[in-house]
Amino acid sequence: MDTALARTEFLQSALVRGGCCGLQLAVATRMLANHVIGASLTEATWHQTTDPDARAVARDYVAASANAYPTLNASGHLDDTRWDDDLLFEEGLNGILSTAARTGTPE
């Protein structure tokens, strides 16, 4: 529990220094924590597999099953040549921070 609280304290103190408070602080905290944790879990899952080609196999499966996964196939989901994970993570953070800046009103 202390680790999660310390992590959240660190995050919120940075957001407060950036001008967040009230609802804006609560929303930004939740969005950032969930984005970081979700991205970390996804990446860890891919790294846990013993098959170094697992991502390519999954990508090929989506392409071969385009009728079942038309949106994933069309978007290039899992296609590392389109956008790498670092870019996707950074763009996600940018979107979250932009949204947080517009969310709520300071109390």
N, C-alpha and C. Protein backbone atom coordinates (compact mmCIF):
# COMPACT_ATOMS: atom_id res chain seq x y z
N MET A 1 0.81 -1.18 0.00
CA MET A 1 0.00 0.00 0.00
C MET A 1 0.86 1.26 0.00
N ASP A 2 1.93 1.23 0.79
CA ASP A 2 2.79 2.42 0.86
C ASP A 2 3.40 2.76 -0.49
N THR A 3 3.75 1.75 -1.27
CA THR A 3 4.34 2.01 -2.58
C THR A 3 3.34 2.71 -3.49
N ALA A 4 2.11 2.23 -3.53
CA ALA A 4 1.08 2.86 -4.37
C ALA A 4 0.79 4.28 -3.89
N LEU A 5 0.74 4.48 -2.58
CA LEU A 5 0.48 5.82 -2.06
C LEU A 5 1.63 6.76 -2.37
N ALA A 6 2.85 6.28 -2.22
CA ALA A 6 4.02 7.12 -2.51
C ALA A 6 4.06 7.48 -3.99
N ARG A 7 3.73 6.52 -4.84
CA ARG A 7 3.71 6.79 -6.29
C ARG A 7 2.64 7.82 -6.62
N THR A 8 1.47 7.69 -6.00
CA THR A 8 0.38 8.63 -6.27
C THR A 8 0.71 10.01 -5.69
N GLU A 9 1.34 10.05 -4.54
CA GLU A 9 1.78 11.33 -3.96
C GLU A 9 2.75 12.04 -4.90
N PHE A 10 3.70 11.28 -5.44
CA PHE A 10 4.68 11.86 -6.37
C PHE A 10 3.97 12.42 -7.61
N LEU A 11 3.05 11.64 -8.16
CA LEU A 11 2.31 12.07 -9.35
C LEU A 11 1.48 13.30 -9.06
N GLN A 12 0.71 13.27 -7.98
CA GLN A 12 -0.15 14.41 -7.70
C GLN A 12 0.66 15.66 -7.36
N SER A 13 1.76 15.51 -6.67
CA SER A 13 2.56 16.71 -6.34
C SER A 13 3.10 17.35 -7.62
N ALA A 14 3.48 16.55 -8.59
CA ALA A 14 3.93 17.10 -9.87
C ALA A 14 2.79 17.81 -10.60
N LEU A 15 1.61 17.21 -10.56
CA LEU A 15 0.45 17.82 -11.21
C LEU A 15 0.04 19.12 -10.52
N VAL A 16 0.12 19.15 -9.20
CA VAL A 16 -0.19 20.38 -8.46
C VAL A 16 0.80 21.48 -8.83
N ARG A 17 2.08 21.12 -8.91
CA ARG A 17 3.08 22.11 -9.32
C ARG A 17 2.80 22.63 -10.73
N GLY A 18 2.15 21.79 -11.55
CA GLY A 18 1.79 22.19 -12.90
C GLY A 18 0.48 22.96 -12.97
N GLY A 19 -0.17 23.15 -11.83
CA GLY A 19 -1.38 23.97 -11.80
C GLY A 19 -2.69 23.21 -11.64
N CYS A 20 -2.65 21.90 -11.52
CA CYS A 20 -3.89 21.12 -11.35
C CYS A 20 -4.37 21.20 -9.91
N CYS A 21 -5.70 21.18 -9.76
CA CYS A 21 -6.30 21.05 -8.44
C CYS A 21 -7.75 20.59 -8.62
N GLY A 22 -8.38 20.19 -7.52
CA GLY A 22 -9.77 19.79 -7.55
C GLY A 22 -10.05 18.65 -8.52
N LEU A 23 -11.14 18.79 -9.25
CA LEU A 23 -11.54 17.76 -10.21
C LEU A 23 -10.46 17.52 -11.25
N GLN A 24 -9.83 18.57 -11.70
CA GLN A 24 -8.76 18.46 -12.70
C GLN A 24 -7.63 17.57 -12.18
N LEU A 25 -7.27 17.72 -10.93
CA LEU A 25 -6.22 16.90 -10.32
C LEU A 25 -6.66 15.43 -10.23
N ALA A 26 -7.90 15.20 -9.82
CA ALA A 26 -8.40 13.84 -9.70
C ALA A 26 -8.44 13.14 -11.06
N VAL A 27 -8.92 13.85 -12.08
CA VAL A 27 -9.02 13.26 -13.42
C VAL A 27 -7.62 13.01 -14.00
N ALA A 28 -6.74 13.97 -13.88
CA ALA A 28 -5.39 13.80 -14.42
C ALA A 28 -4.66 12.65 -13.73
N THR A 29 -4.82 12.54 -12.42
CA THR A 29 -4.18 11.45 -11.68
C THR A 29 -4.67 10.10 -12.20
N ARG A 30 -5.97 9.96 -12.31
CA ARG A 30 -6.55 8.69 -12.75
C ARG A 30 -6.11 8.36 -14.18
N MET A 31 -6.19 9.34 -15.07
CA MET A 31 -5.84 9.07 -16.48
C MET A 31 -4.37 8.70 -16.63
N LEU A 32 -3.50 9.46 -15.98
CA LEU A 32 -2.06 9.18 -16.11
C LEU A 32 -1.70 7.84 -15.49
N ALA A 33 -2.20 7.57 -14.30
CA ALA A 33 -1.87 6.30 -13.64
C ALA A 33 -2.37 5.13 -14.47
N ASN A 34 -3.59 5.21 -14.97
CA ASN A 34 -4.13 4.10 -15.76
C ASN A 34 -3.39 3.93 -17.08
N HIS A 35 -2.99 5.02 -17.71
CA HIS A 35 -2.24 4.92 -18.97
C HIS A 35 -0.89 4.25 -18.73
N VAL A 36 -0.18 4.71 -17.73
CA VAL A 36 1.16 4.17 -17.45
C VAL A 36 1.07 2.70 -17.04
N ILE A 37 0.15 2.38 -16.14
CA ILE A 37 0.01 0.99 -15.68
C ILE A 37 -0.43 0.09 -16.84
N GLY A 38 -1.41 0.55 -17.62
CA GLY A 38 -1.88 -0.25 -18.75
C GLY A 38 -0.79 -0.49 -19.79
N ALA A 39 -0.04 0.55 -20.12
CA ALA A 39 1.04 0.40 -21.09
C ALA A 39 2.11 -0.55 -20.56
N SER A 40 2.41 -0.44 -19.28
CA SER A 40 3.42 -1.31 -18.66
C SER A 40 2.98 -2.76 -18.68
N LEU A 41 1.73 -3.01 -18.34
CA LEU A 41 1.23 -4.39 -18.35
C LEU A 41 1.23 -4.98 -19.76
N THR A 42 0.84 -4.18 -20.73
CA THR A 42 0.84 -4.66 -22.11
C THR A 42 2.25 -5.01 -22.56
N GLU A 43 3.19 -4.11 -22.30
CA GLU A 43 4.57 -4.38 -22.70
C GLU A 43 5.15 -5.58 -21.96
N ALA A 44 4.86 -5.68 -20.68
CA ALA A 44 5.36 -6.82 -19.90
C ALA A 44 4.80 -8.13 -20.43
N THR A 45 3.54 -8.11 -20.84
CA THR A 45 2.93 -9.32 -21.39
C THR A 45 3.66 -9.78 -22.65
N TRP A 46 3.98 -8.84 -23.53
CA TRP A 46 4.70 -9.21 -24.76
C TRP A 46 6.10 -9.72 -24.43
N HIS A 47 6.74 -9.17 -23.40
CA HIS A 47 8.10 -9.60 -23.04
C HIS A 47 8.12 -10.94 -22.31
N GLN A 48 7.00 -11.34 -21.73
CA GLN A 48 6.97 -12.61 -21.00
C GLN A 48 6.93 -13.82 -21.92
N THR A 49 6.49 -13.64 -23.12
CA THR A 49 6.39 -14.79 -24.02
C THR A 49 7.78 -15.31 -24.37
N THR A 50 7.87 -16.61 -24.52
CA THR A 50 9.16 -17.21 -24.88
C THR A 50 9.38 -17.17 -26.38
N ASP A 51 8.34 -16.80 -27.12
CA ASP A 51 8.45 -16.73 -28.58
C ASP A 51 8.74 -15.29 -29.00
N PRO A 52 9.95 -15.03 -29.51
CA PRO A 52 10.28 -13.66 -29.90
C PRO A 52 9.44 -13.16 -31.08
N ASP A 53 8.78 -14.06 -31.77
CA ASP A 53 7.94 -13.67 -32.91
C ASP A 53 6.45 -13.61 -32.56
N ALA A 54 6.13 -13.65 -31.28
CA ALA A 54 4.72 -13.72 -30.87
C ALA A 54 3.91 -12.54 -31.39
N ARG A 55 4.48 -11.37 -31.36
CA ARG A 55 3.76 -10.18 -31.84
C ARG A 55 3.50 -10.28 -33.34
N ALA A 56 4.50 -10.73 -34.08
CA ALA A 56 4.33 -10.90 -35.53
C ALA A 56 3.29 -11.98 -35.83
N VAL A 57 3.29 -13.04 -35.04
CA VAL A 57 2.30 -14.11 -35.22
C VAL A 57 0.90 -13.55 -34.97
N ALA A 58 0.75 -12.76 -33.91
CA ALA A 58 -0.55 -12.15 -33.61
C ALA A 58 -0.98 -11.20 -34.72
N ARG A 59 -0.04 -10.41 -35.21
CA ARG A 59 -0.32 -9.48 -36.31
C ARG A 59 -0.76 -10.24 -37.56
N ASP A 60 -0.07 -11.34 -37.88
CA ASP A 60 -0.42 -12.15 -39.04
C ASP A 60 -1.80 -12.80 -38.86
N TYR A 61 -2.10 -13.18 -37.63
CA TYR A 61 -3.40 -13.78 -37.34
C TYR A 61 -4.52 -12.76 -37.58
N VAL A 62 -4.31 -11.53 -37.14
CA VAL A 62 -5.29 -10.47 -37.37
C VAL A 62 -5.48 -10.26 -38.87
N ALA A 63 -4.39 -10.22 -39.62
CA ALA A 63 -4.49 -10.03 -41.08
C ALA A 63 -5.22 -11.19 -41.74
N ALA A 64 -4.94 -12.40 -41.29
CA ALA A 64 -5.60 -13.57 -41.87
C ALA A 64 -7.06 -13.68 -41.46
N SER A 65 -7.42 -13.01 -40.38
CA SER A 65 -8.79 -13.04 -39.87
C SER A 65 -9.44 -11.67 -40.00
N ALA A 66 -9.16 -11.01 -41.12
CA ALA A 66 -9.62 -9.63 -41.30
C ALA A 66 -11.13 -9.49 -41.20
N ASN A 67 -11.88 -10.52 -41.55
CA ASN A 67 -13.34 -10.44 -41.42
C ASN A 67 -13.76 -10.36 -39.96
N ALA A 68 -13.04 -11.03 -39.09
CA ALA A 68 -13.36 -11.01 -37.66
C ALA A 68 -12.80 -9.76 -36.97
N TYR A 69 -11.70 -9.22 -37.52
CA TYR A 69 -11.02 -8.07 -36.90
C TYR A 69 -10.79 -6.97 -37.93
N PRO A 70 -11.83 -6.47 -38.57
CA PRO A 70 -11.63 -5.50 -39.65
C PRO A 70 -10.98 -4.20 -39.20
N THR A 71 -11.33 -3.72 -38.02
CA THR A 71 -10.76 -2.45 -37.55
C THR A 71 -9.30 -2.63 -37.15
N LEU A 72 -9.01 -3.72 -36.43
CA LEU A 72 -7.62 -3.99 -36.05
C LEU A 72 -6.75 -4.16 -37.29
N ASN A 73 -7.27 -4.86 -38.27
CA ASN A 73 -6.51 -5.08 -39.49
C ASN A 73 -6.27 -3.78 -40.24
N ALA A 74 -7.32 -2.98 -40.41
CA ALA A 74 -7.19 -1.72 -41.16
C ALA A 74 -6.30 -0.71 -40.44
N SER A 75 -6.30 -0.74 -39.11
CA SER A 75 -5.51 0.25 -38.37
C SER A 75 -4.04 -0.13 -38.26
N GLY A 76 -3.71 -1.35 -38.64
CA GLY A 76 -2.32 -1.80 -38.51
C GLY A 76 -1.96 -2.13 -37.07
N HIS A 77 -2.96 -2.54 -36.30
CA HIS A 77 -2.72 -2.89 -34.89
C HIS A 77 -1.59 -3.92 -34.81
N LEU A 78 -0.67 -3.69 -33.93
CA LEU A 78 0.51 -4.53 -33.71
C LEU A 78 1.57 -4.39 -34.81
N ASP A 79 1.40 -3.45 -35.71
CA ASP A 79 2.38 -3.25 -36.79
C ASP A 79 3.47 -2.29 -36.30
N ASP A 80 4.57 -2.86 -35.88
CA ASP A 80 5.68 -2.07 -35.34
C ASP A 80 6.32 -1.14 -36.36
N THR A 81 6.09 -1.38 -37.64
CA THR A 81 6.69 -0.52 -38.66
C THR A 81 5.90 0.78 -38.83
N ARG A 82 4.66 0.81 -38.37
CA ARG A 82 3.85 2.04 -38.47
C ARG A 82 4.20 3.02 -37.38
N TRP A 83 4.06 2.58 -36.15
CA TRP A 83 4.35 3.43 -35.00
C TRP A 83 4.94 2.55 -33.92
N ASP A 84 6.06 2.98 -33.36
CA ASP A 84 6.65 2.17 -32.30
C ASP A 84 5.95 2.47 -30.96
N ASP A 85 6.15 1.59 -30.01
CA ASP A 85 5.48 1.70 -28.72
C ASP A 85 5.82 3.00 -27.99
N ASP A 86 7.05 3.47 -28.12
CA ASP A 86 7.43 4.72 -27.45
C ASP A 86 6.63 5.90 -27.99
N LEU A 87 6.46 5.96 -29.30
CA LEU A 87 5.67 7.04 -29.89
C LEU A 87 4.22 6.96 -29.44
N LEU A 88 3.65 5.76 -29.46
CA LEU A 88 2.27 5.60 -29.03
C LEU A 88 2.09 6.00 -27.56
N PHE A 89 3.04 5.63 -26.73
CA PHE A 89 2.97 5.99 -25.31
C PHE A 89 3.05 7.50 -25.15
N GLU A 90 3.99 8.13 -25.84
CA GLU A 90 4.17 9.58 -25.74
C GLU A 90 2.94 10.33 -26.24
N GLU A 91 2.39 9.89 -27.36
CA GLU A 91 1.19 10.54 -27.89
C GLU A 91 0.01 10.36 -26.94
N GLY A 92 -0.07 9.19 -26.30
CA GLY A 92 -1.11 8.97 -25.30
C GLY A 92 -0.96 9.93 -24.13
N LEU A 93 0.27 10.10 -23.66
CA LEU A 93 0.51 11.06 -22.57
C LEU A 93 0.15 12.47 -22.99
N ASN A 94 0.53 12.85 -24.20
CA ASN A 94 0.19 14.20 -24.68
C ASN A 94 -1.32 14.41 -24.70
N GLY A 95 -2.04 13.41 -25.16
CA GLY A 95 -3.50 13.51 -25.19
C GLY A 95 -4.10 13.61 -23.80
N ILE A 96 -3.57 12.81 -22.89
CA ILE A 96 -4.06 12.85 -21.51
C ILE A 96 -3.80 14.20 -20.88
N LEU A 97 -2.60 14.70 -21.04
CA LEU A 97 -2.26 15.99 -20.43
C LEU A 97 -3.07 17.13 -21.04
N SER A 98 -3.31 17.08 -22.34
CA SER A 98 -4.15 18.10 -22.98
C SER A 98 -5.58 18.04 -22.45
N THR A 99 -6.10 16.84 -22.30
CA THR A 99 -7.45 16.67 -21.77
C THR A 99 -7.52 17.11 -20.32
N ALA A 100 -6.53 16.74 -19.54
CA ALA A 100 -6.51 17.11 -18.13
C ALA A 100 -6.46 18.63 -17.96
N ALA A 101 -5.77 19.30 -18.85
CA ALA A 101 -5.67 20.75 -18.76
C ALA A 101 -7.03 21.42 -19.00
N ARG A 102 -7.93 20.74 -19.70
CA ARG A 102 -9.25 21.30 -20.00
C ARG A 102 -10.33 20.79 -19.06
N THR A 103 -10.03 19.82 -18.23
CA THR A 103 -11.03 19.14 -17.41
C THR A 103 -11.22 19.85 -16.08
N GLY A 104 -12.47 20.08 -15.73
CA GLY A 104 -12.79 20.62 -14.42
C GLY A 104 -12.36 22.07 -14.25
N THR A 105 -12.72 22.59 -13.15
CA THR A 105 -12.32 23.96 -12.81
C THR A 105 -11.64 23.93 -11.46
N PRO A 106 -10.62 24.73 -11.30
CA PRO A 106 -9.94 24.75 -10.00
C PRO A 106 -10.91 25.13 -8.89
N GLU A 107 -10.74 24.50 -7.74
CA GLU A 107 -11.60 24.80 -6.58
C GLU A 107 -11.01 25.90 -5.75
